[in-house]
Amino acid sequence: MLKDLHSGNTCRPGFYKSSSGNAKCSKCPPHSYTHQEGSVHCDCEKTYFRALADPASVACSRPPSAPRHVISVINETSVILDWSWPADSGGRKDVTFTVVCKRCWPGPRQCELCRGAVRFLPRASGLTNTTVTVADLLAHTNYTFEIEAQNGVSSQAPAMRQFAAVTITTNQAGPYLISKPFGAQASVCVMLDDLEQDLGSAVKKP
C-alpha cells in the first residue's frame, strides 16, 4: 500500500500511484477503476482491456468495430477490395486490417478457406491502408471476403471481434495466347527411289 507523500495518506479509491516517491496519487484513467485504498494500478471495466505494453496511465480500450462501406471491383479472376475505417477504433491508434478469403458453394455454411496460389497485394494481414488486391482466383467461382479491423487488445477479446463481409463471383479468366515455338525444326520426307537415283548417278560402276 503506497501513501501519498504530499498528504500523508494512502491513495483513496478511484486513484492510484504505481511507485513510491514524491509523485501524487493519480486519478484512474478512463474506463478503469479501483475500489481499494493504496492501489498501485486501476483495473479495467468490463469489456475494456489493456495491452501488455500499455502503462498504468493509459486508458483501457476495446477492439474496434467492423470496417464500413466495403466496395469490390472485379477484373476477371482478381478483385480489388476497398473499405472505410470503423466508426469506433476502440480508443486506440494501432488499428490494422486483416482480410480472410473463403471459397463458397450454394447452400448455408458451404465455404472453406482459400487454398492454392491466391495472392494478396500487398498482404493479407497487418494492413494499415484500407485497400487490398486479391489475385489468382478461380474463374466463375463464388468467394466471400471477411475484413476485420484489429488493435492492440483484439486478441484479449475474441468474442468481441467484428468483421465486414462481401461476396463476389469471378468472371471468365483472361485469354491465353498459344503460339508455335519459334525455330521449330520441320520434318522432311525423302522418297527412297529418289535417294537411290541420286546415289547411283554419283557413283560410277567399274
Protein backbone atom coordinates (compact mmCIF):
# COMPACT_ATOMS: atom_id res chain seq x y z
CA MET A 1 0.00 0.00 0.00
CA LEU A 2 1.53 3.30 -1.15
CA LYS A 3 0.98 6.60 0.62
CA ASP A 4 0.64 9.98 -0.99
CA LEU A 5 3.66 11.76 0.46
CA HIS A 6 2.08 15.17 -0.15
CA SER A 7 -0.93 14.44 2.00
CA GLY A 8 0.45 11.71 4.22
CA ASN A 9 -2.47 9.46 3.28
CA THR A 10 -2.82 6.44 1.07
CA CYS A 11 -4.46 6.90 -2.33
CA ARG A 12 -8.22 6.76 -1.95
CA PRO A 13 -10.49 4.63 -4.18
CA GLY A 14 -10.56 5.90 -7.74
CA PHE A 15 -6.90 6.93 -7.54
CA TYR A 16 -3.61 5.06 -7.78
CA LYS A 17 0.15 5.50 -7.55
CA SER A 18 2.31 2.99 -9.38
CA SER A 19 5.54 3.71 -7.49
CA SER A 20 6.76 5.24 -4.27
CA GLY A 21 8.33 8.66 -4.26
CA ASN A 22 7.19 12.24 -4.47
CA ALA A 23 4.55 11.63 -7.12
CA LYS A 24 0.98 12.41 -6.19
CA CYS A 25 -1.86 9.96 -6.48
CA SER A 26 -3.30 9.91 -9.99
CA LYS A 27 -6.92 9.52 -10.95
CA CYS A 28 -7.77 6.25 -12.66
CA PRO A 29 -7.62 6.58 -16.48
CA PRO A 30 -10.87 6.36 -18.49
CA HIS A 31 -12.69 3.02 -18.38
CA SER A 32 -10.78 1.84 -15.31
CA TYR A 33 -11.42 1.84 -11.56
CA THR A 34 -10.19 0.83 -8.14
CA HIS A 35 -12.29 0.19 -5.03
CA GLN A 36 -9.41 -0.14 -2.59
CA GLU A 37 -7.13 2.35 -0.92
CA GLY A 38 -3.44 2.39 -1.76
CA SER A 39 -3.83 0.84 -5.22
CA VAL A 40 -0.79 0.70 -7.50
CA HIS A 41 -2.91 0.39 -10.65
CA CYS A 42 -6.53 0.58 -11.78
CA ASP A 43 -8.47 -2.36 -13.15
CA CYS A 44 -10.25 -2.12 -16.49
CA GLU A 45 -14.01 -2.01 -16.66
CA LYS A 46 -15.88 -4.94 -18.15
CA THR A 47 -15.32 -5.31 -21.93
CA TYR A 48 -12.28 -2.99 -21.72
CA PHE A 49 -8.65 -4.13 -21.72
CA ARG A 50 -5.01 -3.08 -21.62
CA ALA A 51 -2.32 -4.36 -23.95
CA LEU A 52 0.70 -5.90 -22.25
CA ALA A 53 2.87 -2.95 -23.24
CA ASP A 54 0.37 -0.31 -22.05
CA PRO A 55 1.47 1.62 -18.94
CA ALA A 56 -0.90 2.03 -16.00
CA SER A 57 -1.56 5.64 -17.02
CA VAL A 58 -3.14 4.65 -20.35
CA ALA A 59 -6.91 4.38 -20.66
CA CYS A 60 -8.37 0.92 -21.04
CA SER A 61 -9.59 0.18 -24.55
CA ARG A 62 -11.53 -2.40 -26.53
CA PRO A 63 -11.47 -3.98 -30.01
CA PRO A 64 -12.62 -1.75 -32.87
CA SER A 65 -15.93 -2.09 -34.64
CA ALA A 66 -16.17 -3.58 -38.13
CA PRO A 67 -14.91 -1.74 -41.22
CA ARG A 68 -17.59 0.09 -43.21
CA HIS A 69 -18.63 0.68 -46.82
CA VAL A 70 -16.87 -2.28 -48.43
CA ILE A 71 -16.56 -1.96 -52.22
CA SER A 72 -15.39 -4.70 -54.59
CA VAL A 73 -14.16 -4.22 -58.16
CA ILE A 74 -13.82 -7.48 -60.12
CA ASN A 75 -11.37 -7.85 -63.00
CA GLU A 76 -11.70 -11.37 -64.42
CA THR A 77 -10.00 -13.53 -61.74
CA SER A 78 -8.85 -10.76 -59.41
CA VAL A 79 -10.70 -8.33 -57.18
CA ILE A 80 -9.85 -5.01 -55.56
CA LEU A 81 -11.39 -4.56 -52.11
CA ASP A 82 -11.77 -1.11 -50.61
CA TRP A 83 -13.37 -0.08 -47.31
CA SER A 84 -13.71 2.74 -44.78
CA TRP A 85 -12.31 2.94 -41.26
CA PRO A 86 -14.50 1.60 -38.44
CA ALA A 87 -16.77 4.04 -36.69
CA ASP A 88 -15.21 3.06 -33.34
CA SER A 89 -11.45 2.47 -33.14
CA GLY A 90 -11.82 1.11 -29.60
CA GLY A 91 -9.94 4.08 -28.17
CA ARG A 92 -6.63 3.11 -29.77
CA LYS A 93 -4.49 4.31 -32.67
CA ASP A 94 -2.81 0.99 -33.53
CA VAL A 95 -5.62 -0.20 -35.83
CA THR A 96 -4.73 -2.60 -38.65
CA PHE A 97 -6.80 -4.74 -41.02
CA THR A 98 -6.87 -8.44 -41.89
CA VAL A 99 -8.59 -9.96 -44.94
CA VAL A 100 -9.74 -13.60 -44.95
CA CYS A 101 -10.62 -15.31 -48.25
CA LYS A 102 -13.21 -18.10 -48.42
CA ARG A 103 -14.34 -20.11 -51.43
CA CYS A 104 -18.08 -20.79 -51.28
CA TRP A 105 -20.70 -23.08 -52.82
CA PRO A 106 -24.51 -22.77 -52.85
CA GLY A 107 -26.10 -23.61 -49.52
CA PRO A 108 -25.65 -22.48 -45.92
CA ARG A 109 -22.13 -22.57 -44.50
CA GLN A 110 -20.70 -24.14 -47.62
CA CYS A 111 -17.41 -22.25 -47.51
CA GLU A 112 -13.78 -23.12 -46.89
CA LEU A 113 -10.62 -21.07 -46.59
CA CYS A 114 -8.99 -20.27 -49.91
CA ARG A 115 -6.16 -22.56 -50.88
CA GLY A 116 -3.61 -22.73 -53.63
CA ALA A 117 -1.93 -19.77 -55.24
CA VAL A 118 -4.29 -16.96 -54.17
CA ARG A 119 -2.22 -13.79 -53.71
CA PHE A 120 -2.90 -10.72 -51.56
CA LEU A 121 -1.29 -7.46 -52.60
CA PRO A 122 0.34 -6.03 -50.60
CA ARG A 123 -0.55 -8.70 -47.96
CA ALA A 124 -3.49 -10.27 -46.12
CA SER A 125 -2.83 -9.07 -42.56
CA GLY A 126 -1.30 -6.11 -40.79
CA LEU A 127 -2.71 -3.71 -43.38
CA THR A 128 -2.54 -0.04 -42.48
CA ASN A 129 -4.34 1.14 -45.62
CA THR A 130 -7.96 0.42 -46.50
CA THR A 131 -7.46 -1.43 -49.77
CA VAL A 132 -6.11 -4.78 -50.97
CA THR A 133 -5.96 -6.66 -54.27
CA VAL A 134 -6.65 -10.41 -54.32
CA ALA A 135 -5.28 -12.14 -57.42
CA ASP A 136 -5.10 -15.61 -58.99
CA LEU A 137 -8.65 -16.60 -58.09
CA LEU A 138 -10.54 -19.31 -59.97
CA ALA A 139 -12.86 -18.28 -62.80
CA HIS A 140 -16.65 -18.48 -62.34
CA THR A 141 -16.29 -19.10 -58.60
CA ASN A 142 -18.02 -17.60 -55.56
CA TYR A 143 -15.81 -16.04 -52.91
CA THR A 144 -16.54 -14.36 -49.59
CA PHE A 145 -14.03 -11.93 -48.11
CA GLU A 146 -14.11 -11.07 -44.41
CA ILE A 147 -12.39 -7.80 -43.47
CA GLU A 148 -11.61 -7.31 -39.80
CA ALA A 149 -10.23 -4.27 -38.00
CA GLN A 150 -7.85 -5.15 -35.17
CA ASN A 151 -5.95 -3.26 -32.50
CA GLY A 152 -3.64 -4.00 -29.58
CA VAL A 153 -6.34 -5.60 -27.41
CA SER A 154 -8.26 -7.60 -30.04
CA SER A 155 -6.52 -10.82 -29.03
CA GLN A 156 -7.84 -10.44 -25.47
CA ALA A 157 -11.49 -10.33 -26.55
CA PRO A 158 -12.10 -12.82 -29.40
CA ALA A 159 -15.85 -12.80 -28.74
CA MET A 160 -16.00 -9.04 -29.40
CA ARG A 161 -14.20 -9.12 -32.74
CA GLN A 162 -16.28 -7.94 -35.70
CA PHE A 163 -15.79 -8.04 -39.45
CA ALA A 164 -17.45 -6.85 -42.64
CA ALA A 165 -18.09 -9.40 -45.39
CA VAL A 166 -18.59 -9.15 -49.14
CA THR A 167 -19.41 -11.96 -51.60
CA ILE A 168 -18.34 -11.88 -55.25
CA THR A 169 -18.35 -14.14 -58.31
CA THR A 170 -15.30 -14.06 -60.55
CA ASN A 171 -15.56 -13.70 -64.32
CA GLN A 172 -14.03 -15.64 -67.18
CA ALA A 173 -10.29 -15.97 -66.93
CA GLY A 174 -8.22 -13.83 -69.26
CA PRO A 175 -7.33 -15.16 -72.76
CA TYR A 176 -4.27 -17.33 -73.20
CA LEU A 177 -2.04 -16.88 -76.24
CA ILE A 178 -0.87 -20.19 -77.69
CA SER A 179 1.88 -19.87 -80.28
CA LYS A 180 4.09 -22.30 -82.17
CA PRO A 181 7.62 -22.37 -80.78
CA PHE A 182 9.91 -20.17 -82.81
CA GLY A 183 12.54 -22.05 -84.77
CA ALA A 184 10.84 -25.44 -84.56
CA GLN A 185 12.53 -27.96 -86.81
CA ALA A 186 10.44 -29.06 -89.79
CA SER A 187 10.31 -32.69 -90.79
CA VAL A 188 11.49 -33.67 -94.30
CA CYS A 189 10.44 -36.82 -96.14
CA VAL A 190 12.64 -38.17 -98.92
CA MET A 191 11.43 -40.91 -101.24
CA LEU A 192 13.70 -43.94 -101.23
CA ASP A 193 13.64 -44.27 -105.04
CA ASP A 194 14.79 -40.67 -105.44
CA LEU A 195 17.59 -41.23 -102.95
CA GLU A 196 18.80 -44.36 -104.79
CA GLN A 197 18.71 -42.49 -108.09
CA ASP A 198 20.81 -39.66 -106.71
CA LEU A 199 23.32 -42.03 -105.19
CA GLY A 200 23.51 -44.08 -108.41
CA SER A 201 24.37 -41.07 -110.50
CA ALA A 202 27.09 -40.07 -108.12
CA VAL A 203 28.82 -43.49 -108.05
CA LYS A 204 30.42 -44.91 -111.24
CA LYS A 205 30.33 -48.64 -111.72
CA PRO A 206 33.57 -50.38 -112.89
